Every structure is written in structure tokens, then in C-alpha cells.
Amino acid sequence: MCLCGLEMGKSDSCNFKRVKLGKKIYNRVDDSFDDNKRCHDCGILNKKGNIHHVFCDMEKCPKCGRQLISCQIFGGCDAKEYMEFMK
């Protein structure tokens, strides 16, 4: 189950459309996919406009373009200081 309330692997996209990094709010990246029909990690439908579920290893950081989960873990892009997912 994702923090957005949807079941991973069965929903097409995450409900959280924005993320707050540090003090700035960003739109979450909706164009980073693997080569499968569904994401290998969170199970979203790989299609432009769909957003990976929270903590998926395929999601890109909207600030630096690297893997968002790495920003969360290692503190890049102010993410370790403060991160909040928002609808």
C-alpha cells in the first residue's frame, strides 16, 4: 500500500502529484519509466502522465533529476531536511 492510499501493483498512478523538498513545492516527475508495461518496483502503468508511488526506485527527483529515493536516503536536494508528498 502506498502512502497515497492506493494499492501498489494494481493502480495506474500515485495520487500524490507534488512533493515538497526543503521549502519549495515541485510537481512530481511523470515521464520516467522502465521497459515493462508496469513499473518493476511500484507497479504503475508505464505511461506519460502517471506518477510512481512513494519510495519507488524509478522515480526521478524533480529538482536534480537523480533517483528521488537516493535524495531521500542520502540527503540530496534538501530532501533529508524535509520532504512531504502532496495531492
N, C-alpha and C. Protein backbone atom coordinates (compact mmCIF):
# COMPACT_ATOMS: atom_id res chain seq x y z
N MET A 1 0.85 -1.18 0.00
CA MET A 1 0.00 0.00 0.00
C MET A 1 0.90 1.24 0.00
N CYS A 2 0.58 2.17 -0.89
CA CYS A 2 1.32 3.43 -0.97
C CYS A 2 0.79 4.40 0.08
N LEU A 3 1.60 5.38 0.44
CA LEU A 3 1.16 6.43 1.37
C LEU A 3 -0.03 7.20 0.82
N CYS A 4 -0.24 7.17 -0.51
CA CYS A 4 -1.36 7.89 -1.13
C CYS A 4 -2.68 7.16 -0.92
N GLY A 5 -2.63 5.92 -0.41
CA GLY A 5 -3.84 5.16 -0.14
C GLY A 5 -4.19 4.14 -1.20
N LEU A 6 -3.47 4.13 -2.32
CA LEU A 6 -3.75 3.15 -3.38
C LEU A 6 -2.83 1.95 -3.25
N GLU A 7 -3.31 0.81 -3.73
CA GLU A 7 -2.52 -0.41 -3.67
C GLU A 7 -1.51 -0.44 -4.82
N MET A 8 -0.24 -0.60 -4.46
CA MET A 8 0.80 -0.68 -5.48
C MET A 8 0.64 -1.97 -6.26
N GLY A 9 0.89 -1.90 -7.56
CA GLY A 9 0.76 -3.06 -8.42
C GLY A 9 -0.60 -3.18 -9.06
N LYS A 10 -1.57 -2.45 -8.54
CA LYS A 10 -2.93 -2.52 -9.07
C LYS A 10 -3.45 -1.17 -9.55
N SER A 11 -2.82 -0.08 -9.13
CA SER A 11 -3.27 1.25 -9.55
C SER A 11 -2.38 1.76 -10.68
N ASP A 12 -2.94 2.60 -11.53
CA ASP A 12 -2.20 3.11 -12.69
C ASP A 12 -1.20 4.21 -12.33
N SER A 13 -1.46 4.95 -11.24
CA SER A 13 -0.63 6.09 -10.88
C SER A 13 -0.81 6.42 -9.41
N CYS A 14 0.17 7.09 -8.83
CA CYS A 14 0.08 7.56 -7.45
C CYS A 14 -0.83 8.79 -7.39
N ASN A 15 -1.52 8.98 -6.28
CA ASN A 15 -2.41 10.13 -6.08
C ASN A 15 -1.67 11.41 -5.72
N PHE A 16 -0.44 11.29 -5.21
CA PHE A 16 0.32 12.47 -4.82
C PHE A 16 0.99 13.07 -6.05
N LYS A 17 0.60 14.27 -6.43
CA LYS A 17 1.09 14.91 -7.66
C LYS A 17 2.24 15.86 -7.42
N ARG A 18 2.45 16.26 -6.17
CA ARG A 18 3.52 17.21 -5.84
C ARG A 18 4.33 16.70 -4.67
N VAL A 19 5.55 17.23 -4.56
CA VAL A 19 6.42 16.89 -3.44
C VAL A 19 7.09 18.18 -2.97
N LYS A 20 7.17 18.34 -1.66
CA LYS A 20 7.84 19.49 -1.08
C LYS A 20 9.24 19.05 -0.65
N LEU A 21 10.25 19.68 -1.25
CA LEU A 21 11.64 19.41 -0.90
C LEU A 21 12.20 20.65 -0.24
N GLY A 22 12.61 20.51 1.00
CA GLY A 22 13.04 21.70 1.74
C GLY A 22 11.84 22.60 1.90
N LYS A 23 11.90 23.80 1.33
CA LYS A 23 10.79 24.75 1.46
C LYS A 23 10.06 24.98 0.14
N LYS A 24 10.47 24.29 -0.92
CA LYS A 24 9.88 24.52 -2.24
C LYS A 24 9.03 23.32 -2.68
N ILE A 25 7.90 23.61 -3.34
CA ILE A 25 6.99 22.56 -3.82
C ILE A 25 7.25 22.34 -5.31
N TYR A 26 7.38 21.06 -5.69
CA TYR A 26 7.63 20.67 -7.08
C TYR A 26 6.53 19.74 -7.56
N ASN A 27 6.24 19.77 -8.86
CA ASN A 27 5.42 18.73 -9.47
C ASN A 27 6.28 17.48 -9.58
N ARG A 28 5.71 16.34 -9.27
CA ARG A 28 6.47 15.09 -9.36
C ARG A 28 6.67 14.71 -10.82
N VAL A 29 7.78 14.07 -11.12
CA VAL A 29 8.15 13.67 -12.48
C VAL A 29 7.20 12.59 -12.97
N ASP A 30 6.66 12.78 -14.19
CA ASP A 30 5.70 11.82 -14.72
C ASP A 30 6.15 11.20 -16.05
N ASP A 31 7.47 11.17 -16.26
CA ASP A 31 7.96 10.61 -17.53
C ASP A 31 9.20 9.72 -17.36
N SER A 32 9.35 9.09 -16.22
CA SER A 32 10.49 8.18 -16.01
C SER A 32 9.96 6.76 -15.83
N PHE A 33 10.30 5.90 -16.79
CA PHE A 33 9.75 4.54 -16.80
C PHE A 33 10.81 3.51 -17.16
N ASP A 34 10.53 2.26 -16.83
CA ASP A 34 11.35 1.16 -17.31
C ASP A 34 10.70 0.59 -18.58
N ASP A 35 11.18 -0.53 -19.07
CA ASP A 35 10.73 -1.06 -20.36
C ASP A 35 9.54 -2.01 -20.27
N ASN A 36 8.97 -2.18 -19.12
CA ASN A 36 7.84 -3.09 -18.94
C ASN A 36 6.51 -2.36 -19.10
N LYS A 37 5.42 -3.11 -19.17
CA LYS A 37 4.09 -2.49 -19.22
C LYS A 37 3.81 -1.79 -17.89
N ARG A 38 4.21 -2.42 -16.80
CA ARG A 38 4.07 -1.84 -15.46
C ARG A 38 5.45 -1.70 -14.83
N CYS A 39 5.60 -0.73 -13.96
CA CYS A 39 6.87 -0.50 -13.27
C CYS A 39 7.26 -1.75 -12.49
N HIS A 40 8.53 -2.13 -12.58
CA HIS A 40 9.01 -3.33 -11.88
C HIS A 40 8.98 -3.17 -10.37
N ASP A 41 8.97 -1.93 -9.88
CA ASP A 41 9.06 -1.70 -8.43
C ASP A 41 7.71 -1.38 -7.80
N CYS A 42 7.00 -0.37 -8.33
CA CYS A 42 5.75 0.05 -7.69
C CYS A 42 4.50 -0.38 -8.44
N GLY A 43 4.67 -0.84 -9.69
CA GLY A 43 3.55 -1.41 -10.43
C GLY A 43 2.64 -0.44 -11.17
N ILE A 44 3.02 0.86 -11.25
CA ILE A 44 2.16 1.78 -12.01
C ILE A 44 2.20 1.39 -13.49
N LEU A 45 1.20 1.82 -14.22
CA LEU A 45 1.17 1.65 -15.66
C LEU A 45 2.18 2.62 -16.26
N ASN A 46 3.18 2.11 -16.99
CA ASN A 46 4.22 2.95 -17.58
C ASN A 46 3.65 3.74 -18.74
N LYS A 47 3.26 4.98 -18.45
CA LYS A 47 2.63 5.84 -19.45
C LYS A 47 2.83 7.29 -19.03
N LYS A 48 3.13 8.16 -19.99
CA LYS A 48 3.31 9.59 -19.70
C LYS A 48 2.10 10.11 -18.92
N GLY A 49 2.37 10.84 -17.87
CA GLY A 49 1.30 11.38 -17.03
C GLY A 49 1.10 10.61 -15.74
N ASN A 50 1.56 9.36 -15.71
CA ASN A 50 1.45 8.55 -14.49
C ASN A 50 2.67 8.78 -13.61
N ILE A 51 2.43 8.79 -12.31
CA ILE A 51 3.49 9.08 -11.34
C ILE A 51 3.74 7.84 -10.50
N HIS A 52 5.03 7.55 -10.27
CA HIS A 52 5.41 6.40 -9.46
C HIS A 52 4.93 6.59 -8.02
N HIS A 53 4.68 5.47 -7.36
CA HIS A 53 4.27 5.52 -5.95
C HIS A 53 5.44 5.96 -5.08
N VAL A 54 5.11 6.49 -3.91
CA VAL A 54 6.09 6.99 -2.96
C VAL A 54 7.12 5.91 -2.65
N PHE A 55 8.39 6.28 -2.70
CA PHE A 55 9.57 5.43 -2.43
C PHE A 55 9.88 4.43 -3.55
N CYS A 56 9.29 4.58 -4.72
CA CYS A 56 9.64 3.74 -5.86
C CYS A 56 11.05 4.09 -6.31
N ASP A 57 11.84 3.09 -6.66
CA ASP A 57 13.21 3.36 -7.08
C ASP A 57 13.33 3.90 -8.51
N MET A 58 12.23 3.98 -9.25
CA MET A 58 12.25 4.52 -10.62
C MET A 58 11.96 6.02 -10.70
N GLU A 59 11.44 6.58 -9.62
CA GLU A 59 11.06 8.00 -9.67
C GLU A 59 12.28 8.91 -9.66
N LYS A 60 12.28 9.90 -10.54
CA LYS A 60 13.34 10.90 -10.60
C LYS A 60 13.01 12.07 -9.69
N CYS A 61 14.05 12.67 -9.13
CA CYS A 61 13.89 13.87 -8.32
C CYS A 61 13.56 15.04 -9.23
N PRO A 62 12.52 15.81 -8.91
CA PRO A 62 12.16 16.95 -9.76
C PRO A 62 13.15 18.11 -9.67
N LYS A 63 14.02 18.08 -8.68
CA LYS A 63 14.99 19.17 -8.52
C LYS A 63 16.31 18.86 -9.23
N CYS A 64 16.84 17.64 -9.05
CA CYS A 64 18.18 17.35 -9.60
C CYS A 64 18.16 16.33 -10.73
N GLY A 65 17.05 15.57 -10.89
CA GLY A 65 16.96 14.58 -11.95
C GLY A 65 17.53 13.22 -11.59
N ARG A 66 18.15 13.11 -10.42
CA ARG A 66 18.65 11.81 -9.98
C ARG A 66 17.50 11.00 -9.38
N GLN A 67 17.80 9.84 -8.90
CA GLN A 67 16.81 8.95 -8.30
C GLN A 67 16.29 9.61 -7.01
N LEU A 68 14.97 9.84 -6.93
CA LEU A 68 14.40 10.54 -5.77
C LEU A 68 14.64 9.80 -4.47
N ILE A 69 14.55 8.48 -4.49
CA ILE A 69 14.76 7.72 -3.25
C ILE A 69 16.19 7.93 -2.73
N SER A 70 17.16 8.16 -3.61
CA SER A 70 18.52 8.45 -3.18
C SER A 70 18.60 9.81 -2.51
N CYS A 71 17.85 10.78 -3.02
CA CYS A 71 17.79 12.09 -2.37
C CYS A 71 17.19 11.96 -0.97
N GLN A 72 16.20 11.08 -0.83
CA GLN A 72 15.55 10.88 0.46
C GLN A 72 16.52 10.24 1.45
N ILE A 73 17.26 9.25 1.00
CA ILE A 73 18.14 8.48 1.89
C ILE A 73 19.42 9.24 2.21
N PHE A 74 20.04 9.84 1.17
CA PHE A 74 21.36 10.44 1.35
C PHE A 74 21.33 11.95 1.52
N GLY A 75 20.13 12.56 1.49
CA GLY A 75 20.01 13.97 1.81
C GLY A 75 20.31 14.94 0.69
N GLY A 76 20.30 14.48 -0.54
CA GLY A 76 20.49 15.40 -1.67
C GLY A 76 19.27 16.29 -1.82
N CYS A 77 19.44 17.44 -2.42
CA CYS A 77 18.32 18.32 -2.79
C CYS A 77 17.45 18.73 -1.61
N ASP A 78 17.99 18.84 -0.45
CA ASP A 78 17.24 19.24 0.75
C ASP A 78 16.19 18.21 1.17
N ALA A 79 16.17 17.05 0.50
CA ALA A 79 15.13 16.07 0.77
C ALA A 79 15.23 15.50 2.18
N LYS A 80 16.44 15.30 2.68
CA LYS A 80 16.57 14.73 4.01
C LYS A 80 16.14 15.74 5.08
N GLU A 81 16.35 17.02 4.76
CA GLU A 81 15.95 18.07 5.69
C GLU A 81 14.43 18.08 5.83
N TYR A 82 13.73 17.97 4.68
CA TYR A 82 12.27 18.00 4.73
C TYR A 82 11.71 17.50 3.42
N MET A 83 10.83 16.50 3.47
CA MET A 83 10.15 16.01 2.27
C MET A 83 8.72 15.68 2.64
N GLU A 84 7.80 16.16 1.82
CA GLU A 84 6.38 15.89 2.06
C GLU A 84 5.70 15.68 0.70
N PHE A 85 4.96 14.59 0.58
CA PHE A 85 4.22 14.31 -0.65
C PHE A 85 2.83 14.90 -0.52
N MET A 86 2.33 15.52 -1.62
CA MET A 86 1.08 16.27 -1.56
C MET A 86 0.21 15.95 -2.76
N LYS A 87 -1.11 16.06 -2.59
CA LYS A 87 -2.04 15.87 -3.70
C LYS A 87 -2.13 17.12 -4.53
